[in-house]
């Protein structure tokens, strides 16, 4: 997941500290999950492309436009919650994400 603070700045570029890019994200959408106390997906942005960051092994996500506010799609705590808090990349469809009212419905 992309850090919320970077997306909130409406930056069109976000550095990703990964050795390999997520090819499935190229030309797709990426959502931002805020950790506690918010514990929710709050923003989504279309990805223009992914490229290497300077002379490093890191990658940059170039946004096609600034991030938009959605939801929030809150994490529902146990025992009623089915989905755990995201610990890494999670995949869903954009349609399912925008129709969801919680993380349970998003994934």
PDB file of N, CA and C in Angstrom:
ATOM      1  N   UNK A   1       0.831  -1.183   0.000  1.00  0.00           N
ATOM      2  CA  UNK A   1       0.000   0.000   0.000  1.00  0.00           C
ATOM      3  C   UNK A   1       0.878   1.250   0.000  1.00  0.00           C
ATOM      4  N   UNK A   2       0.357   2.279  -0.563  1.00  0.00           N
ATOM      5  CA  UNK A   2       1.051   3.550  -0.612  1.00  0.00           C
ATOM      6  C   UNK A   2       0.762   4.312   0.674  1.00  0.00           C
ATOM      7  N   UNK A   3       1.760   4.979   1.204  1.00  0.00           N
ATOM      8  CA  UNK A   3       1.537   5.734   2.428  1.00  0.00           C
ATOM      9  C   UNK A   3       0.565   6.880   2.182  1.00  0.00           C
ATOM     10  N   UNK A   4      -0.362   7.063   3.109  1.00  0.00           N
ATOM     11  CA  UNK A   4      -1.398   8.074   2.991  1.00  0.00           C
ATOM     12  C   UNK A   4      -0.806   9.475   2.871  1.00  0.00           C
ATOM     13  N   UNK A   5       0.200   9.797   3.669  1.00  0.00           N
ATOM     14  CA  UNK A   5       0.751  11.150   3.656  1.00  0.00           C
ATOM     15  C   UNK A   5       1.251  11.522   2.266  1.00  0.00           C
ATOM     16  N   UNK A   6       1.818  10.588   1.554  1.00  0.00           N
ATOM     17  CA  UNK A   6       2.328  10.881   0.219  1.00  0.00           C
ATOM     18  C   UNK A   6       1.185  11.140  -0.754  1.00  0.00           C
ATOM     19  N   UNK A   7       0.106  10.378  -0.637  1.00  0.00           N
ATOM     20  CA  UNK A   7      -1.033  10.574  -1.540  1.00  0.00           C
ATOM     21  C   UNK A   7      -1.772  11.860  -1.200  1.00  0.00           C
ATOM     22  N   UNK A   8      -1.864  12.184   0.084  1.00  0.00           N
ATOM     23  CA  UNK A   8      -2.612  13.365   0.503  1.00  0.00           C
ATOM     24  C   UNK A   8      -2.013  14.633  -0.090  1.00  0.00           C
ATOM     25  N   UNK A   9      -0.726  14.629  -0.294  1.00  0.00           N
ATOM     26  CA  UNK A   9      -0.073  15.798  -0.880  1.00  0.00           C
ATOM     27  C   UNK A   9      -0.434  15.971  -2.348  1.00  0.00           C
ATOM     28  N   UNK A  10      -1.279  15.081  -2.849  1.00  0.00           N
ATOM     29  CA  UNK A  10      -1.727  15.111  -4.255  1.00  0.00           C
ATOM     30  C   UNK A  10      -0.544  15.018  -5.205  1.00  0.00           C
ATOM     31  N   UNK A  11       0.507  14.366  -4.727  1.00  0.00           N
ATOM     32  CA  UNK A  11       1.676  14.176  -5.570  1.00  0.00           C
ATOM     33  C   UNK A  11       1.331  13.246  -6.716  1.00  0.00           C
ATOM     34  N   UNK A  12       1.964  13.465  -7.817  1.00  0.00           N
ATOM     35  CA  UNK A  12       1.750  12.583  -8.953  1.00  0.00           C
ATOM     36  C   UNK A  12       2.796  11.468  -8.975  1.00  0.00           C
ATOM     37  N   UNK A  13       3.699  11.503  -7.994  1.00  0.00           N
ATOM     38  CA  UNK A  13       4.719  10.466  -7.897  1.00  0.00           C
ATOM     39  C   UNK A  13       4.825   9.996  -6.451  1.00  0.00           C
ATOM     40  N   UNK A  14       4.948   8.702  -6.268  1.00  0.00           N
ATOM     41  CA  UNK A  14       5.135   8.118  -4.946  1.00  0.00           C
ATOM     42  C   UNK A  14       6.238   7.075  -5.053  1.00  0.00           C
ATOM     43  N   UNK A  15       7.261   7.213  -4.222  1.00  0.00           N
ATOM     44  CA  UNK A  15       8.340   6.230  -4.230  1.00  0.00           C
ATOM     45  C   UNK A  15       7.889   4.960  -3.536  1.00  0.00           C
ATOM     46  N   UNK A  16       8.208   3.820  -4.130  1.00  0.00           N
ATOM     47  CA  UNK A  16       7.846   2.517  -3.553  1.00  0.00           C
ATOM     48  C   UNK A  16       9.132   1.796  -3.174  1.00  0.00           C
ATOM     49  N   UNK A  17       9.303   1.455  -1.903  1.00  0.00           N
ATOM     50  CA  UNK A  17      10.525   0.754  -1.487  1.00  0.00           C
ATOM     51  C   UNK A  17      10.454  -0.741  -1.760  1.00  0.00           C
ATOM     52  N   UNK A  18      10.307  -1.122  -3.024  1.00  0.00           N
ATOM     53  CA  UNK A  18      10.222  -2.532  -3.402  1.00  0.00           C
ATOM     54  C   UNK A  18      11.327  -2.855  -4.391  1.00  0.00           C
ATOM     55  N   UNK A  19      11.728  -4.083  -4.389  1.00  0.00           N
ATOM     56  CA  UNK A  19      12.722  -4.521  -5.358  1.00  0.00           C
ATOM     57  C   UNK A  19      12.083  -4.753  -6.728  1.00  0.00           C
ATOM     58  N   UNK A  20      10.828  -5.187  -6.745  1.00  0.00           N
ATOM     59  CA  UNK A  20      10.114  -5.419  -8.000  1.00  0.00           C
ATOM     60  C   UNK A  20       8.830  -4.602  -7.992  1.00  0.00           C
ATOM     61  N   UNK A  21       8.449  -4.046  -9.124  1.00  0.00           N
ATOM     62  CA  UNK A  21       7.183  -3.312  -9.167  1.00  0.00           C
ATOM     63  C   UNK A  21       6.005  -4.283  -9.178  1.00  0.00           C
ATOM     64  N   UNK A  22       4.826  -3.760  -8.950  1.00  0.00           N
ATOM     65  CA  UNK A  22       3.612  -4.557  -9.046  1.00  0.00           C
ATOM     66  C   UNK A  22       3.056  -4.371 -10.449  1.00  0.00           C
ATOM     67  N   UNK A  23       3.357  -5.273 -11.391  1.00  0.00           N
ATOM     68  CA  UNK A  23       2.945  -5.070 -12.778  1.00  0.00           C
ATOM     69  C   UNK A  23       1.438  -4.997 -12.946  1.00  0.00           C
ATOM     70  N   UNK A  24       0.681  -5.620 -12.023  1.00  0.00           N
ATOM     71  CA  UNK A  24      -0.770  -5.600 -12.110  1.00  0.00           C
ATOM     72  C   UNK A  24      -1.334  -4.193 -11.885  1.00  0.00           C
ATOM     73  N   UNK A  25      -0.563  -3.333 -11.235  1.00  0.00           N
ATOM     74  CA  UNK A  25      -1.016  -1.988 -10.906  1.00  0.00           C
ATOM     75  C   UNK A  25      -0.820  -1.034 -12.078  1.00  0.00           C
ATOM     76  N   UNK A  26       0.148  -1.320 -12.949  1.00  0.00           N
ATOM     77  CA  UNK A  26       0.432  -0.439 -14.076  1.00  0.00           C
ATOM     78  C   UNK A  26      -0.842  -0.183 -14.877  1.00  0.00           C
ATOM     79  N   UNK A  27      -1.164   1.073 -15.085  1.00  0.00           N
ATOM     80  CA  UNK A  27      -2.367   1.507 -15.798  1.00  0.00           C
ATOM     81  C   UNK A  27      -3.659   1.155 -15.050  1.00  0.00           C
ATOM     82  N   UNK A  28      -3.585   0.853 -13.775  1.00  0.00           N
ATOM     83  CA  UNK A  28      -4.763   0.524 -12.973  1.00  0.00           C
ATOM     84  C   UNK A  28      -5.015   1.590 -11.909  1.00  0.00           C
ATOM     85  N   UNK A  29      -5.555   1.166 -10.789  1.00  0.00           N
ATOM     86  CA  UNK A  29      -5.853   2.051  -9.668  1.00  0.00           C
ATOM     87  C   UNK A  29      -5.102   1.544  -8.442  1.00  0.00           C
ATOM     88  N   UNK A  30      -4.775   2.440  -7.521  1.00  0.00           N
ATOM     89  CA  UNK A  30      -4.175   2.045  -6.257  1.00  0.00           C
ATOM     90  C   UNK A  30      -4.918   2.766  -5.140  1.00  0.00           C
ATOM     91  N   UNK A  31      -5.170   2.045  -4.059  1.00  0.00           N
ATOM     92  CA  UNK A  31      -5.892   2.612  -2.920  1.00  0.00           C
ATOM     93  C   UNK A  31      -4.940   2.763  -1.744  1.00  0.00           C
ATOM     94  N   UNK A  32      -5.246   3.721  -0.854  1.00  0.00           N
ATOM     95  CA  UNK A  32      -4.410   3.974   0.316  1.00  0.00           C
ATOM     96  C   UNK A  32      -5.161   3.606   1.582  1.00  0.00           C
ATOM     97  N   UNK A  33      -4.537   2.778   2.400  1.00  0.00           N
ATOM     98  CA  UNK A  33      -5.076   2.384   3.704  1.00  0.00           C
ATOM     99  C   UNK A  33      -4.354   3.176   4.776  1.00  0.00           C
ATOM    100  N   UNK A  34      -5.097   3.840   5.648  1.00  0.00           N
ATOM    101  CA  UNK A  34      -4.519   4.553   6.788  1.00  0.00           C
ATOM    102  C   UNK A  34      -4.558   3.634   7.992  1.00  0.00           C
ATOM    103  N   UNK A  35      -3.450   3.541   8.696  1.00  0.00           N
ATOM    104  CA  UNK A  35      -3.380   2.699   9.889  1.00  0.00           C
ATOM    105  C   UNK A  35      -4.116   3.368  11.045  1.00  0.00           C
ATOM    106  N   UNK A  36      -4.141   2.713  12.224  1.00  0.00           N
ATOM    107  CA  UNK A  36      -4.834   3.222  13.412  1.00  0.00           C
ATOM    108  C   UNK A  36      -4.355   4.639  13.724  1.00  0.00           C
ATOM    109  N   UNK A  37      -5.214   5.493  14.154  1.00  0.00           N
ATOM    110  CA  UNK A  37      -6.571   5.271  14.632  1.00  0.00           C
ATOM    111  C   UNK A  37      -7.632   5.270  13.527  1.00  0.00           C
ATOM    112  N   UNK A  38      -7.286   5.595  12.286  1.00  0.00           N
ATOM    113  CA  UNK A  38      -8.288   5.639  11.211  1.00  0.00           C
ATOM    114  C   UNK A  38      -8.694   4.228  10.786  1.00  0.00           C
ATOM    115  N   UNK A  39      -7.735   3.364  10.506  1.00  0.00           N
ATOM    116  CA  UNK A  39      -7.964   1.971  10.099  1.00  0.00           C
ATOM    117  C   UNK A  39      -8.977   1.854   8.964  1.00  0.00           C
ATOM    118  N   UNK A  40      -8.689   2.507   7.851  1.00  0.00           N
ATOM    119  CA  UNK A  40      -9.620   2.500   6.721  1.00  0.00           C
ATOM    120  C   UNK A  40      -8.916   2.863   5.422  1.00  0.00           C
ATOM    121  N   UNK A  41      -9.502   2.415   4.297  1.00  0.00           N
ATOM    122  CA  UNK A  41      -9.079   2.879   2.979  1.00  0.00           C
ATOM    123  C   UNK A  41      -9.778   4.213   2.766  1.00  0.00           C
ATOM    124  N   UNK A  42      -9.007   5.240   2.454  1.00  0.00           N
ATOM    125  CA  UNK A  42      -9.570   6.582   2.357  1.00  0.00           C
ATOM    126  C   UNK A  42      -9.340   7.272   1.009  1.00  0.00           C
ATOM    127  N   UNK A  43      -8.406   6.780   0.202  1.00  0.00           N
ATOM    128  CA  UNK A  43      -8.091   7.439  -1.063  1.00  0.00           C
ATOM    129  C   UNK A  43      -7.810   6.416  -2.161  1.00  0.00           C
ATOM    130  N   UNK A  44      -8.054   6.819  -3.378  1.00  0.00           N
ATOM    131  CA  UNK A  44      -7.745   5.993  -4.543  1.00  0.00           C
ATOM    132  C   UNK A  44      -7.215   6.908  -5.652  1.00  0.00           C
ATOM    133  N   UNK A  45      -6.254   6.376  -6.428  1.00  0.00           N
ATOM    134  CA  UNK A  45      -5.675   7.171  -7.520  1.00  0.00           C
ATOM    135  C   UNK A  45      -5.388   6.269  -8.710  1.00  0.00           C
ATOM    136  N   UNK A  46      -5.588   6.775  -9.925  1.00  0.00           N
ATOM    137  CA  UNK A  46      -5.230   6.008 -11.122  1.00  0.00           C
ATOM    138  C   UNK A  46      -3.719   6.065 -11.344  1.00  0.00           C
ATOM    139  N   UNK A  47      -3.148   4.929 -11.694  1.00  0.00           N
ATOM    140  CA  UNK A  47      -1.703   4.833 -11.927  1.00  0.00           C
ATOM    141  C   UNK A  47      -1.433   5.010 -13.411  1.00  0.00           C
ATOM    142  N   UNK A  48      -0.552   5.951 -13.727  1.00  0.00           N
ATOM    143  CA  UNK A  48      -0.180   6.184 -15.122  1.00  0.00           C
ATOM    144  C   UNK A  48       0.851   5.150 -15.565  1.00  0.00           C
ATOM    145  N   UNK A  49       1.930   5.018 -14.755  1.00  0.00           N
ATOM    146  CA  UNK A  49       2.961   4.025 -15.054  1.00  0.00           C
ATOM    147  C   UNK A  49       3.856   3.831 -13.837  1.00  0.00           C
ATOM    148  N   UNK A  50       4.789   2.882 -13.961  1.00  0.00           N
ATOM    149  CA  UNK A  50       5.766   2.587 -12.913  1.00  0.00           C
ATOM    150  C   UNK A  50       7.139   2.676 -13.549  1.00  0.00           C
ATOM    151  N   UNK A  51       8.060   3.388 -12.880  1.00  0.00           N
ATOM    152  CA  UNK A  51       9.411   3.489 -13.415  1.00  0.00           C
ATOM    153  C   UNK A  51      10.435   3.441 -12.292  1.00  0.00           C
ATOM    154  N   UNK A  52      11.680   3.110 -12.659  1.00  0.00           N
ATOM    155  CA  UNK A  52      12.759   3.070 -11.665  1.00  0.00           C
ATOM    156  C   UNK A  52      13.019   4.466 -11.112  1.00  0.00           C
ATOM    157  N   UNK A  53      13.376   4.540  -9.825  1.00  0.00           N
ATOM    158  CA  UNK A  53      13.682   5.802  -9.170  1.00  0.00           C
ATOM    159  C   UNK A  53      15.178   6.032  -9.219  1.00  0.00           C
ATOM    160  N   UNK A  54      15.590   6.979 -10.045  1.00  0.00           N
ATOM    161  CA  UNK A  54      16.989   7.380 -10.207  1.00  0.00           C
ATOM    162  C   UNK A  54      17.887   6.161 -10.353  1.00  0.00           C
ATOM    163  N   UNK A  55      18.983   6.099  -9.597  1.00  0.00           N
ATOM    164  CA  UNK A  55      19.932   4.984  -9.687  1.00  0.00           C
ATOM    165  C   UNK A  55      19.769   4.040  -8.495  1.00  0.00           C
ATOM    166  N   UNK A  56      18.525   3.722  -8.140  1.00  0.00           N
ATOM    167  CA  UNK A  56      18.263   2.837  -7.009  1.00  0.00           C
ATOM    168  C   UNK A  56      17.474   1.623  -7.478  1.00  0.00           C
ATOM    169  N   UNK A  57      17.184   0.735  -6.544  1.00  0.00           N
ATOM    170  CA  UNK A  57      16.349  -0.425  -6.867  1.00  0.00           C
ATOM    171  C   UNK A  57      14.899  -0.170  -6.483  1.00  0.00           C
ATOM    172  N   UNK A  58      14.565   1.097  -6.213  1.00  0.00           N
ATOM    173  CA  UNK A  58      13.199   1.471  -5.857  1.00  0.00           C
ATOM    174  C   UNK A  58      12.427   1.903  -7.104  1.00  0.00           C
ATOM    175  N   UNK A  59      11.109   1.912  -6.966  1.00  0.00           N
ATOM    176  CA  UNK A  59      10.244   2.276  -8.083  1.00  0.00           C
ATOM    177  C   UNK A  59       9.371   3.467  -7.718  1.00  0.00           C
ATOM    178  N   UNK A  60       8.883   4.154  -8.731  1.00  0.00           N
ATOM    179  CA  UNK A  60       7.990   5.299  -8.566  1.00  0.00           C
ATOM    180  C   UNK A  60       6.680   4.984  -9.271  1.00  0.00           C
ATOM    181  N   UNK A  61       5.582   5.231  -8.568  1.00  0.00           N
ATOM    182  CA  UNK A  61       4.259   5.148  -9.191  1.00  0.00           C
ATOM    183  C   UNK A  61       3.920   6.545  -9.663  1.00  0.00           C
ATOM    184  N   UNK A  62       3.701   6.723 -10.932  1.00  0.00           N
ATOM    185  CA  UNK A  62       3.272   8.014 -11.456  1.00  0.00           C
ATOM    186  C   UNK A  62       1.759   7.988 -11.575  1.00  0.00           C
ATOM    187  N   UNK A  63       1.103   8.904 -10.883  1.00  0.00           N
ATOM    188  CA  UNK A  63      -0.355   8.973 -10.924  1.00  0.00           C
ATOM    189  C   UNK A  63      -0.803   9.713 -12.179  1.00  0.00           C
ATOM    190  N   UNK A  64      -1.919   9.277 -12.736  1.00  0.00           N
ATOM    191  CA  UNK A  64      -2.498   9.966 -13.884  1.00  0.00           C
ATOM    192  C   UNK A  64      -3.178  11.256 -13.438  1.00  0.00           C
ATOM    193  N   UNK A  65      -3.621  11.303 -12.190  1.00  0.00           N
ATOM    194  CA  UNK A  65      -4.259  12.486 -11.594  1.00  0.00           C
ATOM    195  C   UNK A  65      -4.127  12.380 -10.079  1.00  0.00           C
ATOM    196  N   UNK A  66      -4.363  13.463  -9.335  1.00  0.00           N
ATOM    197  CA  UNK A  66      -4.264  13.402  -7.873  1.00  0.00           C
ATOM    198  C   UNK A  66      -5.254  12.406  -7.264  1.00  0.00           C
ATOM    199  N   UNK A  67      -4.913  11.902  -6.091  1.00  0.00           N
ATOM    200  CA  UNK A  67      -5.759  10.929  -5.393  1.00  0.00           C
ATOM    201  C   UNK A  67      -7.111  11.535  -5.031  1.00  0.00           C
ATOM    202  N   UNK A  68      -8.161  10.690  -5.112  1.00  0.00           N
ATOM    203  CA  UNK A  68      -9.512  11.113  -4.749  1.00  0.00           C
ATOM    204  C   UNK A  68      -9.904  10.470  -3.423  1.00  0.00           C
ATOM    205  N   UNK A  69     -10.695  11.184  -2.635  1.00  0.00           N
ATOM    206  CA  UNK A  69     -11.187  10.654  -1.370  1.00  0.00           C
ATOM    207  C   UNK A  69     -12.341   9.686  -1.630  1.00  0.00           C
ATOM    208  N   UNK A  70     -12.299   8.525  -0.969  1.00  0.00           N
ATOM    209  CA  UNK A  70     -13.408   7.575  -1.016  1.00  0.00           C
ATOM    210  C   UNK A  70     -13.721   7.145   0.408  1.00  0.00           C
ATOM    211  N   UNK A  71     -14.834   6.447   0.590  1.00  0.00           N
ATOM    212  CA  UNK A  71     -15.182   5.840   1.880  1.00  0.00           C
ATOM    213  C   UNK A  71     -15.327   6.810   3.022  1.00  0.00           C
ATOM    214  N   UNK A  72     -14.811   6.518   4.151  1.00  0.00           N
ATOM    215  CA  UNK A  72     -13.774   5.540   4.438  1.00  0.00           C
ATOM    216  C   UNK A  72     -14.316   4.122   4.506  1.00  0.00           C
ATOM    217  N   UNK A  73     -13.501   3.180   4.028  1.00  0.00           N
ATOM    218  CA  UNK A  73     -13.838   1.765   4.119  1.00  0.00           C
ATOM    219  C   UNK A  73     -13.139   1.226   5.361  1.00  0.00           C
ATOM    220  N   UNK A  74     -13.859   1.209   6.460  1.00  0.00           N
ATOM    221  CA  UNK A  74     -13.306   0.883   7.770  1.00  0.00           C
ATOM    222  C   UNK A  74     -13.022  -0.603   7.937  1.00  0.00           C
ATOM    223  N   UNK A  75     -12.004  -0.879   8.739  1.00  0.00           N
ATOM    224  CA  UNK A  75     -11.706  -2.226   9.185  1.00  0.00           C
ATOM    225  C   UNK A  75     -12.696  -2.563  10.297  1.00  0.00           C
ATOM    226  N   UNK A  76     -13.376  -3.695  10.178  1.00  0.00           N
ATOM    227  CA  UNK A  76     -14.321  -4.131  11.209  1.00  0.00           C
ATOM    228  C   UNK A  76     -13.571  -5.096  12.131  1.00  0.00           C
ATOM    229  N   UNK A  77     -13.440  -4.742  13.417  1.00  0.00           N
ATOM    230  CA  UNK A  77     -12.678  -5.608  14.329  1.00  0.00           C
ATOM    231  C   UNK A  77     -13.375  -6.951  14.574  1.00  0.00           C
ATOM    232  N   UNK A  78     -12.588  -7.934  14.990  1.00  0.00           N
ATOM    233  CA  UNK A  78     -13.152  -9.239  15.339  1.00  0.00           C
ATOM    234  C   UNK A  78     -14.045  -9.073  16.554  1.00  0.00           C
ATOM    235  N   UNK A  79     -15.061  -9.867  16.754  1.00  0.00           N
ATOM    236  CA  UNK A  79     -15.395 -11.115  16.090  1.00  0.00           C
ATOM    237  C   UNK A  79     -16.229 -10.930  14.831  1.00  0.00           C
ATOM    238  N   UNK A  80     -16.724  -9.735  14.520  1.00  0.00           N
ATOM    239  CA  UNK A  80     -17.575  -9.532  13.343  1.00  0.00           C
ATOM    240  C   UNK A  80     -16.789  -9.347  12.060  1.00  0.00           C
ATOM    241  N   UNK A  81     -15.555  -8.906  12.163  1.00  0.00           N
ATOM    242  CA  UNK A  81     -14.744  -8.663  10.969  1.00  0.00           C
ATOM    243  C   UNK A  81     -14.177  -9.942  10.386  1.00  0.00           C
ATOM    244  N   UNK A  82     -14.180 -10.019   9.072  1.00  0.00           N
ATOM    245  CA  UNK A  82     -13.659 -11.191   8.360  1.00  0.00           C
ATOM    246  C   UNK A  82     -12.240 -10.911   7.868  1.00  0.00           C
ATOM    247  N   UNK A  83     -12.005  -9.699   7.422  1.00  0.00           N
ATOM    248  CA  UNK A  83     -10.736  -9.299   6.818  1.00  0.00           C
ATOM    249  C   UNK A  83      -9.816  -8.707   7.882  1.00  0.00           C
ATOM    250  N   UNK A  84      -8.528  -9.104   7.838  1.00  0.00           N
ATOM    251  CA  UNK A  84      -7.528  -8.524   8.727  1.00  0.00           C
ATOM    252  C   UNK A  84      -7.022  -7.219   8.131  1.00  0.00           C
ATOM    253  N   UNK A  85      -6.387  -6.406   8.943  1.00  0.00           N
ATOM    254  CA  UNK A  85      -5.786  -5.163   8.448  1.00  0.00           C
ATOM    255  C   UNK A  85      -4.742  -5.505   7.391  1.00  0.00           C
ATOM    256  N   UNK A  86      -4.690  -4.756   6.291  1.00  0.00           N
ATOM    257  CA  UNK A  86      -3.716  -5.043   5.233  1.00  0.00           C
ATOM    258  C   UNK A  86      -2.279  -4.979   5.751  1.00  0.00           C
ATOM    259  N   UNK A  87      -1.503  -6.005   5.440  1.00  0.00           N
ATOM    260  CA  UNK A  87      -0.094  -6.062   5.821  1.00  0.00           C
ATOM    261  C   UNK A  87       0.813  -5.942   4.600  1.00  0.00           C
ATOM    262  N   UNK A  88       0.209  -5.862   3.430  1.00  0.00           N
ATOM    263  CA  UNK A  88       0.947  -5.773   2.180  1.00  0.00           C
ATOM    264  C   UNK A  88      -0.054  -5.523   1.070  1.00  0.00           C
ATOM    265  N   UNK A  89       0.346  -5.693  -0.178  1.00  0.00           N
ATOM    266  CA  UNK A  89      -0.587  -5.463  -1.287  1.00  0.00           C
ATOM    267  C   UNK A  89      -1.798  -6.394  -1.214  1.00  0.00           C
ATOM    268  N   UNK A  90      -2.962  -5.853  -1.468  1.00  0.00           N
ATOM    269  CA  UNK A  90      -4.208  -6.630  -1.561  1.00  0.00           C
ATOM    270  C   UNK A  90      -4.842  -6.276  -2.895  1.00  0.00           C
ATOM    271  N   UNK A  91      -5.512  -7.229  -3.521  1.00  0.00           N
ATOM    272  CA  UNK A  91      -6.089  -7.003  -4.837  1.00  0.00           C
ATOM    273  C   UNK A  91      -7.604  -7.136  -4.811  1.00  0.00           C
ATOM    274  N   UNK A  92      -8.269  -6.243  -5.500  1.00  0.00           N
ATOM    275  CA  UNK A  92      -9.709  -6.266  -5.675  1.00  0.00           C
ATOM    276  C   UNK A  92     -10.015  -5.508  -6.955  1.00  0.00           C
ATOM    277  N   UNK A  93     -11.268  -5.478  -7.357  1.00  0.00           N
ATOM    278  CA  UNK A  93     -11.625  -4.693  -8.530  1.00  0.00           C
ATOM    279  C   UNK A  93     -12.000  -3.283  -8.096  1.00  0.00           C
ATOM    280  N   UNK A  94     -11.853  -2.331  -8.998  1.00  0.00           N
ATOM    281  CA  UNK A  94     -12.220  -0.957  -8.688  1.00  0.00           C
ATOM    282  C   UNK A  94     -13.718  -0.868  -8.404  1.00  0.00           C
ATOM    283  N   UNK A  95     -14.515  -1.581  -9.176  1.00  0.00           N
ATOM    284  CA  UNK A  95     -15.961  -1.581  -8.997  1.00  0.00           C
ATOM    285  C   UNK A  95     -16.348  -2.073  -7.604  1.00  0.00           C
ATOM    286  N   UNK A  96     -15.724  -3.164  -7.174  1.00  0.00           N
ATOM    287  CA  UNK A  96     -16.015  -3.704  -5.837  1.00  0.00           C
ATOM    288  C   UNK A  96     -15.567  -2.731  -4.745  1.00  0.00           C
ATOM    289  N   UNK A  97     -14.445  -2.066  -4.958  1.00  0.00           N
ATOM    290  CA  UNK A  97     -13.920  -1.119  -3.981  1.00  0.00           C
ATOM    291  C   UNK A  97     -14.858   0.070  -3.787  1.00  0.00           C
ATOM    292  N   UNK A  98     -15.346   0.658  -4.867  1.00  0.00           N
ATOM    293  CA  UNK A  98     -16.199   1.849  -4.736  1.00  0.00           C
ATOM    294  C   UNK A  98     -17.602   1.518  -4.236  1.00  0.00           C
ATOM    295  N   UNK A  99     -18.038   0.269  -4.406  1.00  0.00           N
ATOM    296  CA  UNK A  99     -19.350  -0.135  -3.900  1.00  0.00           C
ATOM    297  C   UNK A  99     -19.315  -0.587  -2.440  1.00  0.00           C
ATOM    298  N   UNK A 100     -18.133  -0.891  -1.933  1.00  0.00           N
ATOM    299  CA  UNK A 100     -17.984  -1.424  -0.576  1.00  0.00           C
ATOM    300  C   UNK A 100     -18.273  -0.368   0.486  1.00  0.00           C
ATOM    301  N   UNK A 101     -18.720  -0.845   1.649  1.00  0.00           N
ATOM    302  CA  UNK A 101     -18.932   0.034   2.805  1.00  0.00           C
ATOM    303  C   UNK A 101     -17.952  -0.275   3.929  1.00  0.00           C
ATOM    304  N   UNK A 102     -17.180  -1.371   3.780  1.00  0.00           N
ATOM    305  CA  UNK A 102     -16.160  -1.748   4.762  1.00  0.00           C
ATOM    306  C   UNK A 102     -15.106  -2.590   4.052  1.00  0.00           C
ATOM    307  N   UNK A 103     -14.014  -2.892   4.751  1.00  0.00           N
ATOM    308  CA  UNK A 103     -12.979  -3.750   4.169  1.00  0.00           C
ATOM    309  C   UNK A 103     -13.505  -5.157   3.918  1.00  0.00           C
ATOM    310  N   UNK A 104     -14.464  -5.608   4.734  1.00  0.00           N
ATOM    311  CA  UNK A 104     -15.064  -6.935   4.512  1.00  0.00           C
ATOM    312  C   UNK A 104     -15.650  -7.050   3.114  1.00  0.00           C
ATOM    313  N   UNK A 105     -16.284  -5.995   2.636  1.00  0.00           N
ATOM    314  CA  UNK A 105     -16.911  -6.011   1.313  1.00  0.00           C
ATOM    315  C   UNK A 105     -15.925  -5.716   0.186  1.00  0.00           C
ATOM    316  N   UNK A 106     -14.825  -5.062   0.504  1.00  0.00           N
ATOM    317  CA  UNK A 106     -13.847  -4.683  -0.520  1.00  0.00           C
ATOM    318  C   UNK A 106     -13.005  -5.852  -0.987  1.00  0.00           C
ATOM    319  N   UNK A 107     -12.739  -6.830  -0.090  1.00  0.00           N
ATOM    320  CA  UNK A 107     -11.858  -7.948  -0.436  1.00  0.00           C
ATOM    321  C   UNK A 107     -12.594  -9.265  -0.385  1.00  0.00           C
TER     322      UNK A 107
END
